Amino acid sequence: ALATLLDVPADFEVSRPPEPESVAARADLEETALAARPDLLASRKNLALSRGARSGVWASFAPSLAAFLRYSVMNAKGFTGEYDTWNAGLSLNWTLWDGGLRESSLRETAARIVQAQAAVRAAEGRAKDEIERAILDLQSAEANRVKAQEQVRLAQRNSQLLKVSFEAGS
């Protein structure tokens, strides 16, 4: 029946599948998954970006200092009677009050950090859950393999009994 379904000659041999490799330590699997999964890497990168955004908001509280130096040469004399002039200066800007924009930005970035931390924990939980399910699936497959081997042994024994019975003439 199998040969008919597969459209192959009836004189084929069924080969046994290779033995599965044993499951590595669960901690190693979890460690590898937590270090290499793209969704976890992305959520961790998002958390780092959120923390960087908070640093940027804190930097907006600091004053900004600008310096300039300018030298120019002209073809006509200026007020000083010279053909060239130079200027130098410093500028300090400090926003003391911006209507609460920076404070609201701090609260928003803090909320984004909490959200990113929750996303990292959720992705780690999903990874651990998938590993546990895969281990259970593997254990189930190994149990099914043992059961199938027992069925093969029983079928071979039944075949031998039928062959002996046939040869005995019944």
Protein backbone atom coordinates (compact mmCIF):
# COMPACT_ATOMS: atom_id res chain seq x y z
CA ALA A 1 0.00 0.00 0.00
CA LEU A 2 2.85 2.36 0.83
CA ALA A 3 4.56 1.62 -2.48
CA THR A 4 1.33 2.34 -4.35
CA LEU A 5 0.83 5.63 -2.52
CA LEU A 6 4.41 6.72 -3.13
CA ASP A 7 4.41 5.46 -6.72
CA VAL A 8 7.62 3.50 -6.22
CA PRO A 9 8.44 -0.16 -6.87
CA ALA A 10 7.25 -2.51 -4.14
CA ASP A 11 10.74 -3.88 -3.45
CA PHE A 12 12.10 -0.92 -1.46
CA GLU A 13 13.59 -0.92 2.01
CA VAL A 14 12.51 1.43 4.77
CA SER A 15 15.53 3.01 6.39
CA ARG A 16 15.60 4.10 9.98
CA PRO A 17 16.01 7.83 10.60
CA PRO A 18 19.21 8.94 12.33
CA GLU A 19 19.17 9.15 16.08
CA PRO A 20 18.46 12.69 17.30
CA GLU A 21 21.17 14.54 19.13
CA SER A 22 20.57 14.80 22.83
CA VAL A 23 19.14 18.03 24.16
CA ALA A 24 21.82 20.35 25.48
CA ALA A 25 21.45 21.82 28.91
CA ARG A 26 18.37 23.97 29.17
CA ALA A 27 20.36 26.89 30.58
CA ASP A 28 22.65 26.82 27.53
CA LEU A 29 19.65 26.91 25.20
CA GLU A 30 18.11 29.82 27.07
CA GLU A 31 21.42 31.68 27.17
CA THR A 32 21.92 31.23 23.44
CA ALA A 33 18.38 32.29 22.65
CA LEU A 34 18.55 35.33 24.91
CA ALA A 35 21.82 36.40 23.28
CA ALA A 36 21.05 35.78 19.61
CA ARG A 37 17.33 36.18 18.89
CA PRO A 38 16.66 39.15 16.58
CA ASP A 39 13.46 40.18 18.40
CA LEU A 40 15.32 40.32 21.72
CA LEU A 41 18.23 42.23 20.19
CA ALA A 42 15.79 44.73 18.68
CA SER A 43 13.92 45.25 21.95
CA ARG A 44 17.20 45.73 23.84
CA LYS A 45 18.36 48.23 21.23
CA ASN A 46 15.03 50.06 21.59
CA LEU A 47 15.61 50.24 25.36
CA ALA A 48 19.09 51.66 24.82
CA LEU A 49 17.69 54.25 22.41
CA SER A 50 15.03 55.25 24.91
CA ARG A 51 17.66 55.75 27.60
CA GLY A 52 19.73 57.80 25.15
CA ALA A 53 16.71 59.98 24.40
CA ARG A 54 16.34 60.65 28.14
CA SER A 55 19.99 61.74 28.25
CA GLY A 56 19.27 64.11 25.38
CA VAL A 57 16.37 65.66 27.28
CA TRP A 58 18.56 66.12 30.36
CA ALA A 59 21.17 67.81 28.15
CA SER A 60 18.55 70.37 27.08
CA PHE A 61 18.61 71.76 30.65
CA ALA A 62 22.28 72.79 30.26
CA PRO A 63 23.31 76.12 28.80
CA SER A 64 24.82 76.25 25.33
CA LEU A 65 28.08 78.05 24.69
CA ALA A 66 29.16 79.23 21.25
CA ALA A 67 32.42 80.88 20.22
CA PHE A 68 33.35 82.55 16.99
CA LEU A 69 36.40 84.09 15.38
CA ARG A 70 36.26 86.03 12.13
CA TYR A 71 39.03 87.56 10.04
CA SER A 72 38.32 89.45 6.81
CA VAL A 73 40.34 91.35 4.26
CA MET A 74 38.82 94.11 2.09
CA ASN A 75 40.06 96.15 -0.87
CA ALA A 76 39.14 99.44 0.81
CA LYS A 77 40.15 100.82 4.19
CA GLY A 78 37.58 100.53 6.95
CA PHE A 79 36.84 102.82 9.93
CA THR A 80 40.16 101.95 11.51
CA GLY A 81 42.12 102.77 8.39
CA GLU A 82 43.15 99.15 7.89
CA TYR A 83 42.42 96.76 5.05
CA ASP A 84 41.78 93.83 7.37
CA THR A 85 39.59 93.33 10.44
CA TRP A 86 38.96 90.58 12.92
CA ASN A 87 36.23 89.81 15.43
CA ALA A 88 36.00 87.31 18.26
CA GLY A 89 33.19 86.53 20.64
CA LEU A 90 31.42 84.16 22.98
CA SER A 91 27.72 83.55 23.28
CA LEU A 92 25.99 81.82 26.18
CA ASN A 93 22.34 80.78 25.89
CA TRP A 94 20.43 79.26 28.75
CA THR A 95 16.74 78.53 28.63
CA LEU A 96 15.47 78.96 32.15
CA TRP A 97 11.80 78.36 31.47
CA ASP A 98 10.27 76.80 28.38
CA GLY A 99 6.68 76.40 29.50
CA GLY A 100 7.22 72.88 30.87
CA LEU A 101 8.28 71.31 27.57
CA ARG A 102 11.46 69.75 28.95
CA GLU A 103 9.68 68.35 32.01
CA SER A 104 6.98 66.78 29.84
CA SER A 105 9.69 65.38 27.56
CA LEU A 106 11.35 63.81 30.63
CA ARG A 107 8.07 62.19 31.67
CA GLU A 108 7.50 60.94 28.11
CA THR A 109 10.98 59.43 27.82
CA ALA A 110 10.58 57.83 31.26
CA ALA A 111 7.36 56.21 30.04
CA ARG A 112 9.09 55.02 26.87
CA ILE A 113 11.86 53.46 28.96
CA VAL A 114 9.29 51.60 31.07
CA GLN A 115 7.54 50.46 27.88
CA ALA A 116 10.84 49.29 26.37
CA GLN A 117 11.75 47.41 29.57
CA ALA A 118 8.37 45.66 29.46
CA ALA A 119 8.97 44.76 25.80
CA VAL A 120 12.36 43.24 26.69
CA ARG A 121 10.82 41.20 29.52
CA ALA A 122 8.00 40.03 27.22
CA ALA A 123 10.45 39.02 24.47
CA GLU A 124 12.59 37.14 26.99
CA GLY A 125 9.49 35.36 28.29
CA ARG A 126 8.44 34.40 24.78
CA ALA A 127 11.92 33.05 24.04
CA LYS A 128 11.99 30.97 27.23
CA ASP A 129 8.47 29.69 26.52
CA GLU A 130 9.40 28.68 22.97
CA ILE A 131 12.48 26.85 24.25
CA GLU A 132 10.41 24.99 26.84
CA ARG A 133 7.82 24.04 24.22
CA ALA A 134 10.56 22.87 21.84
CA ILE A 135 12.10 20.72 24.57
CA LEU A 136 8.69 19.21 25.35
CA ASP A 137 8.10 18.59 21.64
CA LEU A 138 11.48 16.87 21.40
CA GLN A 139 10.77 14.72 24.44
CA SER A 140 7.39 13.80 22.95
CA ALA A 141 9.04 12.91 19.63
CA GLU A 142 11.61 10.76 21.44
CA ALA A 143 8.80 8.97 23.30
CA ASN A 144 6.99 8.43 19.99
CA ARG A 145 10.20 7.06 18.49
CA VAL A 146 10.54 4.56 21.33
CA LYS A 147 6.89 3.57 20.87
CA ALA A 148 7.41 3.18 17.11
CA GLN A 149 10.48 1.02 17.70
CA GLU A 150 8.41 -1.21 19.97
CA GLN A 151 5.71 -1.41 17.30
CA VAL A 152 8.35 -2.39 14.71
CA ARG A 153 9.66 -5.09 17.05
CA LEU A 154 6.13 -6.42 17.62
CA ALA A 155 5.37 -6.33 13.89
CA GLN A 156 8.56 -8.25 13.15
CA ARG A 157 7.65 -10.81 15.79
CA ASN A 158 4.11 -11.09 14.35
CA SER A 159 5.58 -11.51 10.88
CA GLN A 160 7.80 -14.33 12.10
CA LEU A 161 4.83 -16.03 13.77
CA LEU A 162 2.73 -15.72 10.62
CA LYS A 163 5.58 -17.06 8.51
CA VAL A 164 6.01 -20.07 10.82
CA SER A 165 2.24 -20.60 10.82
CA PHE A 166 2.15 -20.41 7.01
CA GLU A 167 5.01 -22.87 6.68
CA ALA A 168 3.21 -25.22 9.07
CA GLY A 169 0.32 -25.21 6.66
CA SER A 170 -2.38 -23.31 8.52
